[in-house]
N, C-alpha and C. Protein backbone atom coordinates (compact mmCIF):
# COMPACT_ATOMS: atom_id res chain seq x y z
N MET A 1 -12.90 -6.17 4.67
CA MET A 1 -11.77 -5.50 4.31
C MET A 1 -11.54 -4.63 5.72
N PHE A 2 -9.91 -4.37 5.65
CA PHE A 2 -8.75 -3.84 6.98
C PHE A 2 -8.11 -2.16 5.72
N LYS A 3 -7.56 -2.13 7.15
CA LYS A 3 -6.65 -0.75 6.84
C LYS A 3 -5.15 -1.44 6.23
N LEU A 4 -4.54 -1.24 5.43
CA LEU A 4 -3.38 -1.34 5.23
C LEU A 4 -2.30 -0.33 5.79
N GLU A 5 -1.73 -0.82 6.86
CA GLU A 5 -0.32 0.08 7.48
C GLU A 5 1.12 -0.66 7.16
N ILE A 6 1.92 -0.09 7.09
CA ILE A 6 3.43 -0.17 6.82
C ILE A 6 3.60 -0.90 8.35
N GLY A 7 4.93 -2.25 7.77
CA GLY A 7 4.60 -2.68 9.34
C GLY A 7 3.79 -3.69 9.72
N GLN A 8 2.32 -3.98 9.04
CA GLN A 8 1.97 -5.23 9.42
C GLN A 8 2.01 -5.98 8.76
N GLU A 9 1.89 -7.51 9.75
CA GLU A 9 2.24 -8.97 8.88
C GLU A 9 1.07 -9.02 8.78
N LEU A 10 0.73 -10.01 7.33
CA LEU A 10 -0.50 -10.56 6.32
C LEU A 10 0.07 -12.10 6.30
N GLU A 11 -0.78 -13.04 6.49
CA GLU A 11 -0.95 -14.15 6.05
C GLU A 11 -1.73 -14.50 4.59
N PHE A 12 -1.53 -15.03 3.72
CA PHE A 12 -2.31 -15.26 2.40
C PHE A 12 -2.96 -16.34 3.25
N ILE A 13 -4.65 -16.06 2.90
CA ILE A 13 -5.56 -17.23 3.57
C ILE A 13 -5.81 -17.89 2.69
N GLU A 14 -5.88 -17.85 1.00
CA GLU A 14 -5.88 -18.46 -0.14
C GLU A 14 -4.89 -17.80 -1.37
N PRO A 15 -5.15 -18.87 -2.24
CA PRO A 15 -4.22 -18.46 -3.18
C PRO A 15 -4.37 -17.33 -4.20
N ALA A 16 -3.65 -16.78 -4.54
CA ALA A 16 -3.59 -15.48 -5.39
C ALA A 16 -2.44 -15.48 -6.20
N THR A 17 -2.92 -14.88 -7.27
CA THR A 17 -1.80 -15.00 -8.85
C THR A 17 -0.78 -13.30 -8.49
N VAL A 18 -0.25 -13.44 -8.49
CA VAL A 18 0.78 -12.14 -8.89
C VAL A 18 1.45 -12.19 -10.51
N ASP A 19 1.42 -11.35 -11.02
CA ASP A 19 2.56 -11.45 -11.99
C ASP A 19 2.60 -12.82 -12.85
N GLY A 20 1.61 -13.37 -12.69
CA GLY A 20 2.30 -14.63 -13.33
C GLY A 20 2.43 -15.69 -12.84
N ARG A 21 2.43 -15.58 -11.33
CA ARG A 21 2.88 -16.07 -10.18
C ARG A 21 1.61 -16.63 -8.47
N THR A 22 1.78 -17.89 -8.25
CA THR A 22 0.92 -18.20 -7.78
C THR A 22 1.49 -18.05 -6.35
N ILE A 23 0.84 -17.37 -5.12
CA ILE A 23 0.88 -17.60 -3.92
C ILE A 23 0.62 -18.24 -3.24
N PRO A 24 1.08 -19.24 -2.55
CA PRO A 24 0.29 -19.87 -1.91
C PRO A 24 -0.02 -20.09 -0.18
N PRO A 25 -1.67 -20.28 -0.05
CA PRO A 25 -2.01 -19.84 1.53
C PRO A 25 -1.32 -20.23 2.69
N GLY A 26 -0.84 -19.62 3.16
CA GLY A 26 0.38 -19.95 4.85
C GLY A 26 1.16 -18.69 3.98
N THR A 27 1.31 -18.31 3.18
CA THR A 27 3.31 -17.50 2.96
C THR A 27 2.29 -16.04 3.91
N ARG A 28 3.32 -16.16 4.50
CA ARG A 28 3.40 -14.69 5.08
C ARG A 28 4.28 -13.33 4.55
N VAL A 29 3.63 -12.42 4.80
CA VAL A 29 4.30 -10.95 4.28
C VAL A 29 4.30 -10.13 4.91
N ARG A 30 5.41 -8.89 4.84
CA ARG A 30 5.30 -7.85 5.87
C ARG A 30 5.04 -7.07 4.77
N VAL A 31 4.14 -5.65 5.14
CA VAL A 31 4.28 -4.16 4.08
C VAL A 31 5.06 -3.74 4.26
N GLY A 32 5.82 -3.21 3.79
CA GLY A 32 6.61 -2.50 3.25
C GLY A 32 6.44 -0.89 3.19
N TYR A 33 5.72 -0.81 2.03
CA TYR A 33 4.68 0.25 0.88
C TYR A 33 4.22 0.63 0.87
N ILE A 34 3.56 1.71 0.38
CA ILE A 34 2.44 1.83 -0.22
C ILE A 34 2.49 3.01 -0.71
N GLN A 35 2.22 2.70 -2.14
CA GLN A 35 2.70 3.44 -3.36
C GLN A 35 0.90 4.10 -3.79
N THR A 36 0.92 5.01 -3.52
CA THR A 36 0.08 5.77 -4.34
C THR A 36 -0.25 5.94 -5.85
N GLU A 37 -1.30 5.09 -6.06
CA GLU A 37 -1.42 5.27 -7.53
C GLU A 37 -2.76 5.98 -8.07
N LEU A 38 -3.02 6.24 -9.27
CA LEU A 38 -4.08 7.54 -9.57
C LEU A 38 -5.85 6.19 -9.77
N MET A 39 -5.93 4.95 -9.96
CA MET A 39 -6.69 4.11 -9.75
C MET A 39 -6.55 3.13 -8.68
N GLU A 40 -5.53 2.90 -8.11
CA GLU A 40 -5.37 1.72 -6.82
C GLU A 40 -4.43 1.51 -6.24
N PRO A 41 -4.04 1.71 -5.28
CA PRO A 41 -2.53 1.72 -4.30
C PRO A 41 -1.86 0.61 -4.41
N ARG A 42 -0.67 0.50 -4.88
CA ARG A 42 -0.01 -0.40 -5.40
C ARG A 42 0.97 -0.89 -4.05
N VAL A 43 1.14 -2.04 -3.37
CA VAL A 43 1.47 -2.35 -1.84
C VAL A 43 2.84 -3.05 -2.36
N THR A 44 4.02 -2.63 -1.81
CA THR A 44 5.57 -3.61 -1.77
C THR A 44 5.47 -4.10 -0.44
N VAL A 45 5.71 -5.43 -0.60
CA VAL A 45 5.58 -6.14 0.78
C VAL A 45 7.25 -7.19 0.42
N VAL A 46 7.20 -7.67 1.86
CA VAL A 46 8.30 -8.44 2.06
C VAL A 46 8.21 -10.79 2.01
N VAL A 47 8.33 -11.16 1.36
CA VAL A 47 7.55 -12.52 1.73
C VAL A 47 9.00 -12.95 2.55
N LEU A 48 8.23 -13.57 3.97
CA LEU A 48 8.49 -13.66 5.15
C LEU A 48 9.11 -15.44 4.94
N GLY A 49 10.45 -16.06 5.86
CA GLY A 49 10.54 -17.36 6.02
C GLY A 49 10.99 -17.48 5.00
N LYS A 50 11.82 -16.85 3.83
CA LYS A 50 12.58 -17.19 3.04
C LYS A 50 13.85 -16.86 2.99
N ASP A 51 14.68 -17.87 2.71
CA ASP A 51 16.32 -17.32 2.97
C ASP A 51 16.74 -15.82 2.77
N ALA A 52 16.73 -15.98 1.41
CA ALA A 52 17.46 -14.81 0.73
C ALA A 52 15.79 -13.58 0.65
N PRO A 53 15.94 -13.31 0.77
CA PRO A 53 15.08 -11.40 1.00
C PRO A 53 14.61 -11.36 -0.55
N GLU A 54 12.93 -10.73 -0.49
CA GLU A 54 12.13 -11.37 -1.73
C GLU A 54 11.06 -9.85 -1.74
N THR A 55 11.12 -9.60 -2.17
CA THR A 55 9.67 -8.70 -2.54
C THR A 55 8.57 -9.10 -3.53
N LEU A 56 7.19 -8.54 -3.55
CA LEU A 56 6.70 -8.18 -4.29
C LEU A 56 5.54 -7.17 -4.46
N THR A 57 5.41 -6.39 -5.23
CA THR A 57 4.70 -5.60 -5.62
C THR A 57 3.31 -6.01 -6.18
N VAL A 58 2.27 -5.71 -5.73
CA VAL A 58 0.79 -6.23 -6.01
C VAL A 58 -0.13 -4.87 -5.54
N ASP A 59 -1.31 -5.32 -6.35
CA ASP A 59 -2.77 -4.18 -5.99
C ASP A 59 -3.27 -4.32 -4.62
N ARG A 60 -3.39 -3.27 -3.83
CA ARG A 60 -4.20 -3.66 -2.68
C ARG A 60 -4.98 -4.21 -2.66
N HIS A 61 -6.10 -4.43 -2.99
CA HIS A 61 -7.45 -5.25 -3.23
C HIS A 61 -6.39 -6.59 -3.67
N VAL A 62 -5.97 -6.86 -3.90
CA VAL A 62 -5.46 -8.40 -4.09
C VAL A 62 -4.73 -9.09 -2.53
N LEU A 63 -4.04 -7.97 -1.32
CA LEU A 63 -4.03 -8.30 -0.39
C LEU A 63 -5.08 -7.92 0.84
N THR A 64 -6.12 -7.36 0.40
CA THR A 64 -7.36 -7.46 1.54
C THR A 64 -8.50 -7.94 0.65
N LEU A 65 -8.29 -8.67 -0.24
CA LEU A 65 -9.21 -10.45 -0.75
C LEU A 65 -9.23 -11.13 -0.20
N HIS A 66 -7.63 -11.61 -0.17
CA HIS A 66 -7.20 -12.65 0.06
C HIS A 66 -5.79 -12.75 1.47
N CYS A 67 -6.00 -11.88 1.91
CA CYS A 67 -4.48 -12.15 3.13
C CYS A 67 -5.85 -12.08 4.49
N ARG A 68 -4.94 -11.79 5.79
CA ARG A 68 -5.43 -12.22 6.97
C ARG A 68 -4.39 -11.09 7.87
N VAL A 69 -4.92 -10.18 9.14
CA VAL A 69 -3.42 -9.43 9.50
C VAL A 69 -3.44 -10.33 10.26
N VAL A 70 -2.22 -11.05 10.64
CA VAL A 70 -1.26 -11.50 12.03
C VAL A 70 -0.71 -10.71 13.12
N THR A 71 -0.05 -9.39 12.28
CA THR A 71 0.38 -8.30 13.80
C THR A 71 -0.08 -7.13 13.24
N ARG A 72 -0.46 -6.29 14.10
CA ARG A 72 -0.69 -4.89 13.53
C ARG A 72 0.76 -4.47 13.62
N ALA A 73 0.49 -2.81 12.90
CA ALA A 73 2.05 -2.35 12.79
C ALA A 73 2.34 -1.44 14.55
N ALA A 74 4.03 -1.70 14.84
CA ALA A 74 3.86 -1.26 15.54
C ALA A 74 3.71 0.44 16.38
């Protein structure tokens, strides 16, 4: 498990299902916003490598369990 920071680039190392959609391994995202929730923080990420910008909002544990850090926040 790692600490999430705004600006980090993450890569999914295994598939994850978010809102009924499967995110395949190798998908890279950048952390854009961390929303504090009562039970668990939700994180808004920007999917990298797409022609049109795409964002996803996922539970923090999805990222910490299924991703690895590619680059640290600046």
